[in-house]
């Protein structure tokens, strides 16, 4: 029966790290989302300059407004990054990080509004930057509606005060792009939230499957041990009563209790063997599924006849190395290979090292080294700038497999 590798499930304390890993796993979608918002902001800033150029404004004003638009677009980048790594908290919980981008947006709006004489240019940067904060879904919808109404009102005031004096200028393009920016931003962020929710649900499904498997194993062990312990308790109680009146019968009950202990021990061993005897191809497939559930791109190579490899040695190593990748890897890609070589079976797992420094906790690799040495195999570890690889080679008929 195929089951997820039990040791690779993280405790609840690592929930934040796991969620960050999931965010990295769909980073391409995030960059599409963020670049779409930034591109639209750049288009709006360009519309400022082109519209004012058509209206005959002087070059210094156009240059200043163009630079202000670029600064405003750049100031929204940290707001987007904060939104990507946000947690469930108030949008103002980390206001020191948000203060500078909001101040920049207010200054840009002030400069652009005064130089252009348009209320729309003065209001838009502040409205857009405020909408990028971590608002709850219901609050965000109301703020988008309020921001759109405010921008439309500013556009209407400008139309009465400024646009009517130069009807030949395409003011409506400026108004259209400006008033639709909040709605486009909200839709993009909503799409990102949906993808994050789906990805986390997929990871939760993998953890739930592992938990259910653990519960099933615990139930089987409880039933097995509970039955044998109850029988042993009755046999010992009967032996205690018989020792005073019928010693041979009491000794017979003690022998029966010892036999029950042997049966319980053998039953536990058989149960453990049954759950440990997952084919190595399934072990690798389960490890790959778990890594993919964490948002990692996985490439696997499994040789024909891989199930004949010494599973008692390699199966724990597969689970341990998968755990190491989830804890310390970069979360971008993993390559897993189990191949048949002249010297035996060769298992290799390589992953991107990520930006984190190498971990000082080498207990997992030390345990792998001892297990490989007991089997008469070799362990090779390769650390490079952007790649970490573990290679294990064990004889086809190792002593551990024979045992």
Protein backbone atom coordinates (compact mmCIF):
# COMPACT_ATOMS: atom_id res chain seq x y z
CA UNK A 1 0.00 0.00 0.00
CA UNK A 2 1.38 3.45 -0.92
CA UNK A 3 1.64 5.89 1.92
CA UNK A 4 3.31 9.29 2.45
CA UNK A 5 6.72 9.16 4.17
CA UNK A 6 5.75 9.80 7.78
CA UNK A 7 8.91 11.56 9.01
CA UNK A 8 8.67 14.42 6.56
CA UNK A 9 5.59 15.99 8.12
CA UNK A 10 6.47 19.19 9.94
CA UNK A 11 5.14 20.15 13.36
CA UNK A 12 2.72 23.03 13.68
CA UNK A 13 5.56 25.27 14.84
CA UNK A 14 6.83 25.38 11.28
CA UNK A 15 3.59 26.54 9.75
CA UNK A 16 4.92 29.99 8.86
CA UNK A 17 7.97 28.53 7.15
CA UNK A 18 5.83 26.07 5.22
CA UNK A 19 3.53 28.86 4.02
CA UNK A 20 6.50 30.90 2.86
CA UNK A 21 7.74 27.86 0.97
CA UNK A 22 4.35 27.53 -0.70
CA UNK A 23 4.53 31.17 -1.73
CA UNK A 24 7.91 30.55 -3.30
CA UNK A 25 6.51 27.49 -5.04
CA UNK A 26 4.11 29.64 -7.09
CA UNK A 27 6.50 32.56 -7.35
CA UNK A 28 6.07 32.72 -11.13
CA UNK A 29 2.38 33.49 -10.67
CA UNK A 30 3.26 36.13 -8.10
CA UNK A 31 5.65 37.87 -10.48
CA UNK A 32 2.96 37.87 -13.17
CA UNK A 33 0.58 39.46 -10.67
CA UNK A 34 3.01 42.05 -9.31
CA UNK A 35 4.42 42.95 -12.74
CA UNK A 36 0.87 43.42 -14.04
CA UNK A 37 0.08 45.91 -11.26
CA UNK A 38 3.38 47.77 -11.73
CA UNK A 39 2.97 47.89 -15.51
CA UNK A 40 -0.50 49.37 -15.17
CA UNK A 41 0.87 51.99 -12.78
CA UNK A 42 3.61 52.86 -15.29
CA UNK A 43 0.98 53.18 -18.03
CA UNK A 44 -1.00 55.58 -15.83
CA UNK A 45 2.16 57.63 -15.10
CA UNK A 46 2.89 57.71 -18.83
CA UNK A 47 -0.66 58.90 -19.49
CA UNK A 48 0.00 61.78 -17.08
CA UNK A 49 2.96 62.96 -19.14
CA UNK A 50 1.39 62.39 -22.57
CA UNK A 51 -1.86 64.11 -21.66
CA UNK A 52 -0.10 67.11 -20.15
CA UNK A 53 2.23 67.23 -23.16
CA UNK A 54 -0.80 67.37 -25.44
CA UNK A 55 -2.19 70.11 -23.23
CA UNK A 56 0.95 72.20 -23.88
CA UNK A 57 2.64 72.06 -20.47
CA UNK A 58 6.29 73.07 -20.37
CA UNK A 59 9.15 70.54 -20.35
CA UNK A 60 10.26 71.06 -16.70
CA UNK A 61 6.74 70.29 -15.50
CA UNK A 62 6.54 67.19 -17.67
CA UNK A 63 9.95 65.97 -16.50
CA UNK A 64 9.11 66.49 -12.84
CA UNK A 65 5.76 64.74 -13.15
CA UNK A 66 7.37 61.84 -15.05
CA UNK A 67 10.02 61.39 -12.34
CA UNK A 68 7.32 61.63 -9.67
CA UNK A 69 5.35 58.89 -11.42
CA UNK A 70 8.39 56.62 -11.49
CA UNK A 71 9.05 57.24 -7.78
CA UNK A 72 5.44 56.45 -6.95
CA UNK A 73 5.58 53.19 -8.94
CA UNK A 74 8.83 52.23 -7.18
CA UNK A 75 7.27 53.01 -3.77
CA UNK A 76 4.53 50.42 -4.40
CA UNK A 77 7.10 47.59 -4.76
CA UNK A 78 7.67 47.18 -0.97
CA UNK A 79 3.90 47.34 -0.46
CA UNK A 80 3.45 44.47 -2.92
CA UNK A 81 6.23 42.47 -1.25
CA UNK A 82 4.62 43.03 2.14
CA UNK A 83 1.30 41.86 0.74
CA UNK A 84 2.90 38.69 -0.64
CA UNK A 85 4.38 37.67 2.73
CA UNK A 86 1.56 39.01 4.84
CA UNK A 87 -0.04 37.17 7.75
CA UNK A 88 -3.51 37.49 9.25
CA UNK A 89 -3.07 40.77 11.08
CA UNK A 90 -4.22 44.37 10.93
CA UNK A 91 -3.06 46.26 7.82
CA UNK A 92 -1.37 48.76 10.16
CA UNK A 93 0.28 46.16 12.42
CA UNK A 94 3.68 46.85 10.84
CA UNK A 95 3.18 50.52 10.09
CA UNK A 96 6.92 51.48 10.33
CA UNK A 97 7.54 49.44 7.16
CA UNK A 98 4.56 51.00 5.41
CA UNK A 99 5.15 54.60 6.45
CA UNK A 100 7.83 55.49 3.87
CA UNK A 101 5.94 54.18 0.78
CA UNK A 102 2.78 55.97 1.90
CA UNK A 103 4.68 59.20 2.52
CA UNK A 104 6.26 58.95 -0.93
CA UNK A 105 2.82 58.42 -2.49
CA UNK A 106 1.45 61.48 -0.65
CA UNK A 107 4.38 63.65 -1.75
CA UNK A 108 4.06 62.47 -5.36
CA UNK A 109 0.36 63.27 -5.31
CA UNK A 110 1.05 66.70 -3.85
CA UNK A 111 3.73 67.55 -6.42
CA UNK A 112 1.82 66.13 -9.40
CA UNK A 113 -1.41 67.81 -8.35
CA UNK A 114 0.15 71.24 -7.84
CA UNK A 115 2.20 71.19 -11.05
CA UNK A 116 -0.60 69.85 -13.24
CA UNK A 117 -3.46 71.63 -11.54
CA UNK A 118 -5.45 68.35 -11.62
CA UNK A 119 -7.13 66.83 -8.60
CA UNK A 120 -7.00 63.40 -10.24
CA UNK A 121 -3.19 63.34 -10.19
CA UNK A 122 -3.12 64.45 -6.57
CA UNK A 123 -5.52 61.77 -5.31
CA UNK A 124 -4.55 58.72 -7.38
CA UNK A 125 -1.12 57.82 -5.84
CA UNK A 126 -2.49 57.84 -2.29
CA UNK A 127 -5.59 55.81 -3.21
CA UNK A 128 -3.55 53.16 -5.02
CA UNK A 129 -0.94 52.80 -2.24
CA UNK A 130 -3.58 52.48 0.47
CA UNK A 131 -5.38 49.77 -1.51
CA UNK A 132 -2.18 47.65 -1.54
CA UNK A 133 -2.31 47.21 2.23
CA UNK A 134 -3.48 43.96 3.83
CA UNK A 135 -7.18 44.75 4.09
CA UNK A 136 -9.74 42.00 4.79
CA UNK A 137 -11.68 40.90 1.72
CA UNK A 138 -14.89 42.74 2.63
CA UNK A 139 -13.07 45.91 3.64
CA UNK A 140 -10.98 45.84 0.46
CA UNK A 141 -14.10 45.65 -1.73
CA UNK A 142 -15.61 48.67 0.02
CA UNK A 143 -12.34 50.60 -0.25
CA UNK A 144 -12.06 49.82 -3.96
CA UNK A 145 -15.57 51.13 -4.46
CA UNK A 146 -14.84 54.24 -2.38
CA UNK A 147 -11.51 54.84 -4.13
CA UNK A 148 -13.09 54.51 -7.57
CA UNK A 149 -15.86 56.94 -6.62
CA UNK A 150 -13.27 59.40 -5.24
CA UNK A 151 -11.20 59.24 -8.42
CA UNK A 152 -14.30 59.62 -10.60
CA UNK A 153 -15.30 62.67 -8.54
CA UNK A 154 -11.81 64.17 -8.98
CA UNK A 155 -12.03 63.48 -12.71
CA UNK A 156 -15.43 65.22 -12.83
CA UNK A 157 -14.07 68.27 -10.99
CA UNK A 158 -11.10 68.45 -13.35
CA UNK A 159 -13.46 68.18 -16.31
CA UNK A 160 -15.40 71.19 -15.10
CA UNK A 161 -12.33 73.27 -14.17
CA UNK A 162 -9.58 72.27 -16.60
CA UNK A 163 -10.74 69.90 -19.32
CA UNK A 164 -13.46 72.21 -20.64
CA UNK A 165 -10.84 74.85 -21.47
CA UNK A 166 -8.98 72.45 -23.80
CA UNK A 167 -11.59 70.17 -25.42
CA UNK A 168 -9.14 69.06 -28.10
CA UNK A 169 -7.07 67.10 -25.51
CA UNK A 170 -7.98 63.43 -24.92
CA UNK A 171 -8.67 63.86 -21.21
CA UNK A 172 -10.92 60.84 -21.17
CA UNK A 173 -7.97 58.44 -21.64
CA UNK A 174 -6.34 59.80 -18.51
CA UNK A 175 -9.58 59.46 -16.59
CA UNK A 176 -10.28 55.94 -17.82
CA UNK A 177 -6.87 54.51 -16.90
CA UNK A 178 -6.80 56.33 -13.58
CA UNK A 179 -10.28 55.33 -12.39
CA UNK A 180 -9.88 51.67 -13.41
CA UNK A 181 -6.50 51.21 -11.65
CA UNK A 182 -8.01 50.34 -8.21
CA UNK A 183 -10.35 47.72 -9.69
CA UNK A 184 -7.57 46.10 -11.74
CA UNK A 185 -5.31 45.99 -8.68
CA UNK A 186 -8.01 44.44 -6.51
CA UNK A 187 -8.74 41.73 -9.09
CA UNK A 188 -5.03 40.87 -9.39
CA UNK A 189 -4.57 40.59 -5.62
CA UNK A 190 -7.77 38.56 -5.34
CA UNK A 191 -6.44 36.10 -7.94
CA UNK A 192 -3.21 35.73 -5.99
CA UNK A 193 -5.16 35.06 -2.78
CA UNK A 194 -7.15 32.34 -4.53
CA UNK A 195 -3.97 30.61 -5.72
CA UNK A 196 -2.42 30.76 -2.24
CA UNK A 197 -5.58 29.26 -0.73
CA UNK A 198 -5.62 26.41 -3.26
CA UNK A 199 -1.91 25.68 -2.73
CA UNK A 200 -2.28 25.60 1.04
CA UNK A 201 -5.31 23.33 0.73
CA UNK A 202 -3.21 20.92 -1.34
CA UNK A 203 -0.50 20.87 1.34
CA UNK A 204 -3.13 20.38 4.06
CA UNK A 205 -4.49 17.40 2.13
CA UNK A 206 -1.03 15.82 2.08
CA UNK A 207 -0.60 16.38 5.84
CA UNK A 208 -4.09 14.99 6.49
CA UNK A 209 -3.24 11.82 4.55
CA UNK A 210 -0.11 11.34 6.65
CA UNK A 211 -2.09 11.93 9.86
CA UNK A 212 -4.77 9.44 8.86
CA UNK A 213 -2.09 6.85 8.11
CA UNK A 214 -0.54 7.43 11.52
CA UNK A 215 -3.91 7.01 13.20
CA UNK A 216 -4.46 3.75 11.37
CA UNK A 217 -1.05 2.45 12.44
CA UNK A 218 -1.72 3.56 16.02
CA UNK A 219 -5.08 1.77 15.98
CA UNK A 220 -3.50 -1.48 14.75
CA UNK A 221 -0.76 -1.30 17.39
CA UNK A 222 -3.31 -0.54 20.10
CA UNK A 223 -5.51 -3.48 19.13
CA UNK A 224 -2.55 -5.86 18.93
CA UNK A 225 -0.85 -4.84 22.14
CA UNK A 226 -4.10 -4.39 24.04
CA UNK A 227 -5.18 -7.96 23.30
CA UNK A 228 -1.86 -9.54 24.24
CA UNK A 229 -1.42 -7.44 27.38
CA UNK A 230 -4.88 -8.38 28.59
CA UNK A 231 -4.14 -12.08 28.05
CA UNK A 232 -0.77 -11.80 29.80
CA UNK A 233 -2.35 -9.99 32.77
CA UNK A 234 -4.93 -12.77 33.19
CA UNK A 235 -2.30 -15.50 32.91
CA UNK A 236 -0.07 -13.84 35.50
CA UNK A 237 -2.98 -13.30 37.86
CA UNK A 238 -3.95 -16.96 37.54
CA UNK A 239 -0.35 -18.07 38.09
CA UNK A 240 -0.19 -15.97 41.25
CA UNK A 241 -3.29 -17.69 42.63
CA UNK A 242 -2.11 -21.19 41.72
CA UNK A 243 1.43 -20.93 43.09
CA UNK A 244 0.24 -21.44 46.67
CA UNK A 245 -1.96 -24.48 45.99
CA UNK A 246 -0.78 -25.98 42.68
CA UNK A 247 2.76 -24.93 41.81
CA UNK A 248 3.03 -27.00 38.57
CA UNK A 249 -0.15 -25.40 37.25
CA UNK A 250 1.16 -21.95 38.26
CA UNK A 251 4.42 -22.60 36.39
CA UNK A 252 2.43 -23.68 33.37
CA UNK A 253 0.59 -20.36 33.42
CA UNK A 254 3.93 -18.51 33.66
CA UNK A 255 5.16 -20.38 30.60
CA UNK A 256 1.96 -19.46 28.82
CA UNK A 257 2.47 -15.80 29.76
CA UNK A 258 6.00 -15.90 28.40
CA UNK A 259 4.69 -17.42 25.19
CA UNK A 260 2.13 -14.61 24.97
CA UNK A 261 4.96 -12.07 25.35
CA UNK A 262 6.78 -13.72 22.45
CA UNK A 263 3.61 -13.64 20.37
CA UNK A 264 3.09 -9.95 21.14
CA UNK A 265 6.68 -9.16 20.23
CA UNK A 266 6.48 -11.14 16.99
CA UNK A 267 3.13 -9.55 16.12
CA UNK A 268 4.58 -6.07 16.65
CA UNK A 269 7.59 -6.98 14.50
CA UNK A 270 5.33 -8.30 11.75
CA UNK A 271 3.18 -5.17 11.91
CA UNK A 272 6.23 -2.91 11.62
CA UNK A 273 7.57 -4.98 8.74
CA UNK A 274 4.27 -4.75 6.93
CA UNK A 275 4.28 -0.95 7.13
CA UNK A 276 7.96 -0.64 6.32
CA UNK A 277 7.80 -2.88 3.28
CA UNK A 278 6.64 -0.14 0.93
CA UNK A 279 8.38 -0.59 -2.48
CA UNK A 280 11.17 1.89 -3.05
CA UNK A 281 9.50 3.15 -6.22
CA UNK A 282 6.46 4.05 -4.10
CA UNK A 283 8.70 5.65 -1.46
CA UNK A 284 10.21 7.91 -4.11
CA UNK A 285 6.80 8.65 -5.61
CA UNK A 286 5.40 9.56 -2.19
CA UNK A 287 8.41 11.76 -1.43
CA UNK A 288 7.97 13.51 -4.79
CA UNK A 289 4.27 14.09 -4.10
CA UNK A 290 5.07 15.62 -0.73
CA UNK A 291 7.72 17.90 -2.21
CA UNK A 292 5.35 18.99 -4.97
CA UNK A 293 2.68 19.69 -2.34
CA UNK A 294 5.20 22.08 -0.77
CA UNK A 295 5.51 23.91 -4.10
CA UNK A 296 8.80 22.37 -5.28
CA UNK A 297 9.49 21.27 -8.86
CA UNK A 298 10.53 17.59 -8.71
CA UNK A 299 12.26 15.41 -11.31
CA UNK A 300 12.54 11.67 -10.55
CA UNK A 301 14.51 8.88 -12.20
CA UNK A 302 13.82 5.30 -11.06
CA UNK A 303 15.57 2.35 -12.65
CA UNK A 304 13.73 -0.82 -13.61
CA UNK A 305 13.79 -3.34 -10.80
CA UNK A 306 14.24 -0.62 -8.17
CA UNK A 307 11.94 -2.51 -5.80
CA UNK A 308 14.65 -5.20 -5.54
CA UNK A 309 17.08 -2.69 -3.98
CA UNK A 310 17.76 -3.03 -0.22
CA UNK A 311 14.70 -1.21 1.05
CA UNK A 312 15.65 -1.61 4.72
CA UNK A 313 18.62 0.65 4.04
CA UNK A 314 17.36 3.04 1.37
CA UNK A 315 13.76 3.65 2.48
CA UNK A 316 14.74 5.49 5.72
CA UNK A 317 17.38 7.40 3.78
CA UNK A 318 14.80 8.53 1.23
CA UNK A 319 12.52 9.76 4.00
CA UNK A 320 15.34 11.50 5.91
CA UNK A 321 16.71 13.28 2.85
CA UNK A 322 13.22 14.40 1.88
CA UNK A 323 12.87 15.89 5.36
CA UNK A 324 16.18 17.70 4.95
CA UNK A 325 15.09 19.21 1.63
CA UNK A 326 11.85 20.48 3.12
CA UNK A 327 13.61 21.99 6.13
CA UNK A 328 16.76 23.44 4.59
CA UNK A 329 16.28 23.51 0.81
CA UNK A 330 15.58 26.53 -1.32
CA UNK A 331 12.16 25.20 -2.33
CA UNK A 332 12.70 25.71 -6.08
CA UNK A 333 13.68 22.32 -7.53
CA UNK A 334 14.70 18.79 -6.53
CA UNK A 335 16.15 15.90 -8.55
CA UNK A 336 15.77 12.36 -7.18
CA UNK A 337 17.35 9.32 -8.84
CA UNK A 338 17.62 5.63 -7.94
CA UNK A 339 19.77 3.78 -10.47
CA UNK A 340 21.53 0.43 -10.78
CA UNK A 341 25.31 0.71 -10.96
CA UNK A 342 28.01 -1.98 -11.23
CA UNK A 343 28.92 -1.47 -7.57
CA UNK A 344 25.31 -1.66 -6.40
CA UNK A 345 22.32 0.67 -6.08
CA UNK A 346 22.91 4.41 -6.26
CA UNK A 347 20.47 6.91 -4.72
CA UNK A 348 20.99 10.63 -5.23
CA UNK A 349 18.93 13.65 -4.24
CA UNK A 350 19.97 17.16 -5.29
CA UNK A 351 18.22 20.46 -4.64
CA UNK A 352 18.76 24.18 -4.86
CA UNK A 353 20.58 25.41 -1.78
CA UNK A 354 18.50 28.55 -1.38
CA UNK A 355 19.66 31.74 0.28
CA UNK A 356 19.92 30.31 3.80
CA UNK A 357 23.31 29.53 5.32
CA UNK A 358 24.22 25.83 5.75
CA UNK A 359 22.60 24.34 8.83
CA UNK A 360 24.78 23.42 11.81
CA UNK A 361 22.49 20.50 12.58
CA UNK A 362 24.18 17.51 10.98
CA UNK A 363 22.45 14.81 12.99
CA UNK A 364 20.38 13.68 10.00
CA UNK A 365 23.38 13.28 7.71
CA UNK A 366 25.36 11.57 10.47
CA UNK A 367 22.54 9.05 10.90
CA UNK A 368 22.49 8.43 7.15
CA UNK A 369 26.26 7.92 7.21
CA UNK A 370 26.04 5.32 9.99
CA UNK A 371 23.24 3.48 8.24
CA UNK A 372 25.16 3.41 4.95
CA UNK A 373 28.36 2.29 6.67
CA UNK A 374 26.55 -0.58 8.40
CA UNK A 375 25.29 -1.69 4.99
CA UNK A 376 28.80 -1.60 3.50
CA UNK A 377 28.03 1.36 1.24
CA UNK A 378 29.38 4.87 0.69
CA UNK A 379 28.01 8.35 1.29
CA UNK A 380 29.03 11.45 -0.68
CA UNK A 381 27.87 14.99 0.12
CA UNK A 382 28.41 17.87 -2.31
CA UNK A 383 27.85 21.50 -1.38
CA UNK A 384 28.04 24.18 -4.03
CA UNK A 385 26.94 27.77 -4.26
CA UNK A 386 23.45 26.99 -5.54
CA UNK A 387 23.18 23.20 -5.20
CA UNK A 388 23.30 20.61 -2.44
CA UNK A 389 23.48 16.90 -3.28
CA UNK A 390 23.56 13.66 -1.27
CA UNK A 391 24.66 10.48 -3.03
CA UNK A 392 24.37 7.02 -1.42
CA UNK A 393 25.70 3.80 -2.93
CA UNK A 394 24.93 0.44 -1.29
CA UNK A 395 25.73 -3.10 -2.42
CA UNK A 396 22.91 -4.98 -4.08
CA UNK A 397 23.00 -7.62 -1.31
CA UNK A 398 24.03 -5.67 1.76
CA UNK A 399 24.34 -7.12 5.22
CA UNK A 400 21.49 -4.94 6.43
CA UNK A 401 19.23 -6.21 3.66
CA UNK A 402 20.20 -9.79 4.48
CA UNK A 403 19.30 -9.24 8.11
